[in-house]
Amino acid sequence: MNKHQRAKIKATILTQIESLTEETQSPESAAQTKLRLERLGTALKRIEADNYGECFKCGTPIQMSQLLGFPETMLCTDCLNQPGEQI
């Protein structure tokens, strides 16, 4: 992942964090939002540590389209589609 792509993903994450923190939520969805915010924060840390964008399971690069849609993902599409796997 190049510097431009990394900056684009970081901006996407920051926008999603801002959006999630501004939403009014029911108690039921608050737990899900908290978890997503934690995952987005972890993704930001991985970008800064320069270990972002590789699948935690198989080590292959995660597609940019997948990262833009779900920047907190830690698995590539192939690993994510295996039974029992989650983002």
N, C-alpha and C. Protein backbone atom coordinates (compact mmCIF):
# COMPACT_ATOMS: atom_id res chain seq x y z
N MET A 1 0.85 -1.16 0.00
CA MET A 1 0.00 0.00 0.00
C MET A 1 0.91 1.24 0.00
N ASN A 2 0.63 2.14 -0.94
CA ASN A 2 1.46 3.33 -1.03
C ASN A 2 0.97 4.43 -0.09
N LYS A 3 1.75 5.51 -0.02
CA LYS A 3 1.46 6.61 0.90
C LYS A 3 0.10 7.25 0.61
N HIS A 4 -0.24 7.41 -0.67
CA HIS A 4 -1.52 8.02 -1.06
C HIS A 4 -2.69 7.13 -0.62
N GLN A 5 -2.58 5.84 -0.86
CA GLN A 5 -3.63 4.91 -0.46
C GLN A 5 -3.80 4.90 1.05
N ARG A 6 -2.69 4.92 1.77
CA ARG A 6 -2.73 4.93 3.23
C ARG A 6 -3.45 6.19 3.73
N ALA A 7 -3.15 7.34 3.13
CA ALA A 7 -3.81 8.60 3.52
C ALA A 7 -5.30 8.56 3.23
N LYS A 8 -5.67 7.95 2.11
CA LYS A 8 -7.09 7.84 1.74
C LYS A 8 -7.84 6.97 2.75
N ILE A 9 -7.25 5.85 3.13
CA ILE A 9 -7.87 4.96 4.11
C ILE A 9 -7.97 5.67 5.47
N LYS A 10 -6.92 6.36 5.86
CA LYS A 10 -6.93 7.08 7.14
C LYS A 10 -8.05 8.11 7.17
N ALA A 11 -8.23 8.84 6.08
CA ALA A 11 -9.31 9.83 6.00
C ALA A 11 -10.67 9.15 6.08
N THR A 12 -10.82 8.01 5.45
CA THR A 12 -12.07 7.24 5.51
C THR A 12 -12.36 6.82 6.94
N ILE A 13 -11.36 6.32 7.63
CA ILE A 13 -11.53 5.88 9.02
C ILE A 13 -11.95 7.06 9.90
N LEU A 14 -11.25 8.17 9.76
CA LEU A 14 -11.57 9.34 10.59
C LEU A 14 -12.99 9.85 10.33
N THR A 15 -13.41 9.82 9.07
CA THR A 15 -14.78 10.22 8.73
C THR A 15 -15.80 9.29 9.36
N GLN A 16 -15.53 7.98 9.31
CA GLN A 16 -16.45 7.02 9.90
C GLN A 16 -16.51 7.15 11.42
N ILE A 17 -15.37 7.40 12.04
CA ILE A 17 -15.35 7.60 13.50
C ILE A 17 -16.18 8.83 13.86
N GLU A 18 -15.97 9.91 13.13
CA GLU A 18 -16.73 11.13 13.39
C GLU A 18 -18.23 10.91 13.23
N SER A 19 -18.61 10.22 12.17
CA SER A 19 -20.02 9.94 11.92
C SER A 19 -20.63 9.09 13.03
N LEU A 20 -19.91 8.07 13.46
CA LEU A 20 -20.43 7.19 14.51
C LEU A 20 -20.56 7.90 15.85
N THR A 21 -19.65 8.81 16.15
CA THR A 21 -19.71 9.49 17.44
C THR A 21 -20.79 10.57 17.48
N GLU A 22 -21.24 11.02 16.32
CA GLU A 22 -22.28 12.04 16.26
C GLU A 22 -23.70 11.46 16.24
N GLU A 23 -23.84 10.19 15.95
CA GLU A 23 -25.16 9.56 15.83
C GLU A 23 -25.81 9.39 17.20
N THR A 24 -27.11 9.61 17.25
CA THR A 24 -27.89 9.27 18.42
C THR A 24 -28.31 7.82 18.28
N GLN A 25 -28.10 7.04 19.33
CA GLN A 25 -28.32 5.61 19.19
C GLN A 25 -29.19 5.05 20.30
N SER A 26 -29.84 3.98 19.95
CA SER A 26 -30.59 3.23 20.95
C SER A 26 -29.58 2.44 21.79
N PRO A 27 -29.96 2.03 22.98
CA PRO A 27 -29.05 1.22 23.81
C PRO A 27 -28.61 -0.07 23.11
N GLU A 28 -29.49 -0.63 22.29
CA GLU A 28 -29.15 -1.87 21.60
C GLU A 28 -28.02 -1.67 20.60
N SER A 29 -28.03 -0.56 19.89
CA SER A 29 -27.00 -0.34 18.87
C SER A 29 -25.75 0.31 19.45
N ALA A 30 -25.82 0.83 20.67
CA ALA A 30 -24.66 1.49 21.28
C ALA A 30 -23.50 0.52 21.46
N ALA A 31 -23.78 -0.71 21.83
CA ALA A 31 -22.71 -1.70 22.01
C ALA A 31 -22.03 -2.02 20.69
N GLN A 32 -22.81 -2.14 19.62
CA GLN A 32 -22.23 -2.39 18.29
C GLN A 32 -21.38 -1.22 17.84
N THR A 33 -21.86 -0.01 18.11
CA THR A 33 -21.11 1.19 17.72
C THR A 33 -19.80 1.27 18.49
N LYS A 34 -19.85 0.97 19.77
CA LYS A 34 -18.63 0.98 20.58
C LYS A 34 -17.60 0.00 20.04
N LEU A 35 -18.05 -1.19 19.68
CA LEU A 35 -17.14 -2.20 19.12
C LEU A 35 -16.55 -1.72 17.80
N ARG A 36 -17.38 -1.14 16.95
CA ARG A 36 -16.88 -0.65 15.66
C ARG A 36 -15.88 0.49 15.86
N LEU A 37 -16.15 1.39 16.80
CA LEU A 37 -15.21 2.47 17.08
C LEU A 37 -13.87 1.92 17.57
N GLU A 38 -13.92 0.89 18.39
CA GLU A 38 -12.68 0.25 18.86
C GLU A 38 -11.90 -0.35 17.69
N ARG A 39 -12.61 -1.01 16.79
CA ARG A 39 -11.97 -1.62 15.63
C ARG A 39 -11.37 -0.57 14.69
N LEU A 40 -12.10 0.54 14.51
CA LEU A 40 -11.58 1.62 13.68
C LEU A 40 -10.35 2.25 14.32
N GLY A 41 -10.36 2.40 15.63
CA GLY A 41 -9.19 2.91 16.34
C GLY A 41 -7.99 2.00 16.19
N THR A 42 -8.23 0.71 16.26
CA THR A 42 -7.16 -0.26 16.06
C THR A 42 -6.61 -0.18 14.63
N ALA A 43 -7.50 0.03 13.67
CA ALA A 43 -7.06 0.17 12.28
C ALA A 43 -6.16 1.40 12.13
N LEU A 44 -6.51 2.50 12.79
CA LEU A 44 -5.66 3.69 12.74
C LEU A 44 -4.28 3.40 13.31
N LYS A 45 -4.23 2.66 14.40
CA LYS A 45 -2.94 2.29 15.01
C LYS A 45 -2.13 1.42 14.06
N ARG A 46 -2.80 0.51 13.35
CA ARG A 46 -2.09 -0.36 12.40
C ARG A 46 -1.53 0.45 11.23
N ILE A 47 -2.27 1.49 10.81
CA ILE A 47 -1.77 2.35 9.73
C ILE A 47 -0.50 3.06 10.20
N GLU A 48 -0.54 3.61 11.40
CA GLU A 48 0.62 4.32 11.94
C GLU A 48 1.80 3.37 12.16
N ALA A 49 1.53 2.13 12.53
CA ALA A 49 2.59 1.13 12.75
C ALA A 49 3.06 0.49 11.46
N ASP A 50 2.42 0.85 10.35
CA ASP A 50 2.77 0.35 9.03
C ASP A 50 2.54 -1.15 8.86
N ASN A 51 1.55 -1.69 9.56
CA ASN A 51 1.20 -3.10 9.33
C ASN A 51 -0.28 -3.23 8.99
N TYR A 52 -0.78 -2.27 8.25
CA TYR A 52 -2.18 -2.23 7.85
C TYR A 52 -2.32 -2.73 6.42
N GLY A 53 -3.41 -3.43 6.15
CA GLY A 53 -3.73 -3.83 4.79
C GLY A 53 -3.33 -5.23 4.40
N GLU A 54 -2.76 -5.97 5.33
CA GLU A 54 -2.43 -7.37 5.07
C GLU A 54 -3.34 -8.25 5.90
N CYS A 55 -3.77 -9.33 5.31
CA CYS A 55 -4.64 -10.28 5.99
C CYS A 55 -3.92 -10.89 7.19
N PHE A 56 -4.56 -10.86 8.35
CA PHE A 56 -3.97 -11.43 9.57
C PHE A 56 -3.85 -12.94 9.48
N LYS A 57 -4.67 -13.56 8.65
CA LYS A 57 -4.66 -15.03 8.58
C LYS A 57 -3.66 -15.56 7.56
N CYS A 58 -3.72 -15.03 6.33
CA CYS A 58 -2.86 -15.60 5.28
C CYS A 58 -1.73 -14.68 4.83
N GLY A 59 -1.78 -13.41 5.23
CA GLY A 59 -0.70 -12.49 4.91
C GLY A 59 -0.77 -11.81 3.56
N THR A 60 -1.78 -12.13 2.76
CA THR A 60 -1.90 -11.48 1.45
C THR A 60 -2.48 -10.08 1.61
N PRO A 61 -2.19 -9.20 0.66
CA PRO A 61 -2.77 -7.85 0.73
C PRO A 61 -4.29 -7.89 0.60
N ILE A 62 -4.96 -7.06 1.40
CA ILE A 62 -6.41 -6.93 1.32
C ILE A 62 -6.72 -5.93 0.22
N GLN A 63 -7.72 -6.21 -0.59
CA GLN A 63 -8.08 -5.34 -1.71
C GLN A 63 -8.47 -3.95 -1.22
N MET A 64 -8.03 -2.92 -1.95
CA MET A 64 -8.31 -1.54 -1.58
C MET A 64 -9.81 -1.28 -1.51
N SER A 65 -10.59 -1.86 -2.40
CA SER A 65 -12.05 -1.66 -2.37
C SER A 65 -12.64 -2.20 -1.07
N GLN A 66 -12.12 -3.30 -0.58
CA GLN A 66 -12.59 -3.87 0.68
C GLN A 66 -12.19 -2.96 1.85
N LEU A 67 -10.98 -2.44 1.82
CA LEU A 67 -10.51 -1.56 2.89
C LEU A 67 -11.28 -0.25 2.93
N LEU A 68 -11.64 0.27 1.76
CA LEU A 68 -12.41 1.52 1.73
C LEU A 68 -13.82 1.31 2.27
N GLY A 69 -14.40 0.17 2.01
CA GLY A 69 -15.74 -0.13 2.49
C GLY A 69 -15.77 -0.50 3.97
N PHE A 70 -14.79 -1.26 4.39
CA PHE A 70 -14.69 -1.73 5.78
C PHE A 70 -13.25 -1.59 6.24
N PRO A 71 -12.82 -0.37 6.56
CA PRO A 71 -11.41 -0.15 6.87
C PRO A 71 -10.93 -0.88 8.12
N GLU A 72 -11.84 -1.36 8.94
CA GLU A 72 -11.44 -2.09 10.14
C GLU A 72 -11.18 -3.56 9.89
N THR A 73 -11.42 -4.02 8.66
CA THR A 73 -11.24 -5.44 8.36
C THR A 73 -9.79 -5.87 8.56
N MET A 74 -9.62 -7.09 9.00
CA MET A 74 -8.29 -7.65 9.21
C MET A 74 -8.07 -8.90 8.36
N LEU A 75 -9.10 -9.28 7.58
CA LEU A 75 -9.02 -10.48 6.76
C LEU A 75 -9.32 -10.16 5.30
N CYS A 76 -8.63 -10.84 4.40
CA CYS A 76 -8.92 -10.69 2.97
C CYS A 76 -10.26 -11.36 2.67
N THR A 77 -10.76 -11.14 1.49
CA THR A 77 -12.06 -11.68 1.09
C THR A 77 -12.06 -13.21 1.15
N ASP A 78 -10.98 -13.84 0.69
CA ASP A 78 -10.93 -15.30 0.71
C ASP A 78 -11.02 -15.85 2.13
N CYS A 79 -10.25 -15.28 3.04
CA CYS A 79 -10.27 -15.76 4.43
C CYS A 79 -11.59 -15.40 5.11
N LEU A 80 -12.12 -14.25 4.78
CA LEU A 80 -13.38 -13.81 5.38
C LEU A 80 -14.54 -14.73 4.97
N ASN A 81 -14.47 -15.29 3.76
CA ASN A 81 -15.53 -16.15 3.27
C ASN A 81 -15.43 -17.59 3.75
N GLN A 82 -14.41 -17.90 4.53
CA GLN A 82 -14.30 -19.23 5.08
C GLN A 82 -15.27 -19.37 6.24
N PRO A 83 -15.86 -20.54 6.42
CA PRO A 83 -16.84 -20.73 7.50
C PRO A 83 -16.26 -20.34 8.86
N GLY A 84 -17.05 -19.60 9.63
CA GLY A 84 -16.66 -19.24 10.99
C GLY A 84 -15.82 -17.98 11.10
N GLU A 85 -15.47 -17.34 10.00
CA GLU A 85 -14.63 -16.14 10.07
C GLU A 85 -15.48 -14.88 10.12
N GLN A 86 -14.94 -13.83 10.76
CA GLN A 86 -15.60 -12.53 10.87
C GLN A 86 -14.56 -11.44 10.66
N ILE A 87 -15.05 -10.23 10.40
CA ILE A 87 -14.15 -9.09 10.22
C ILE A 87 -13.37 -8.86 11.49
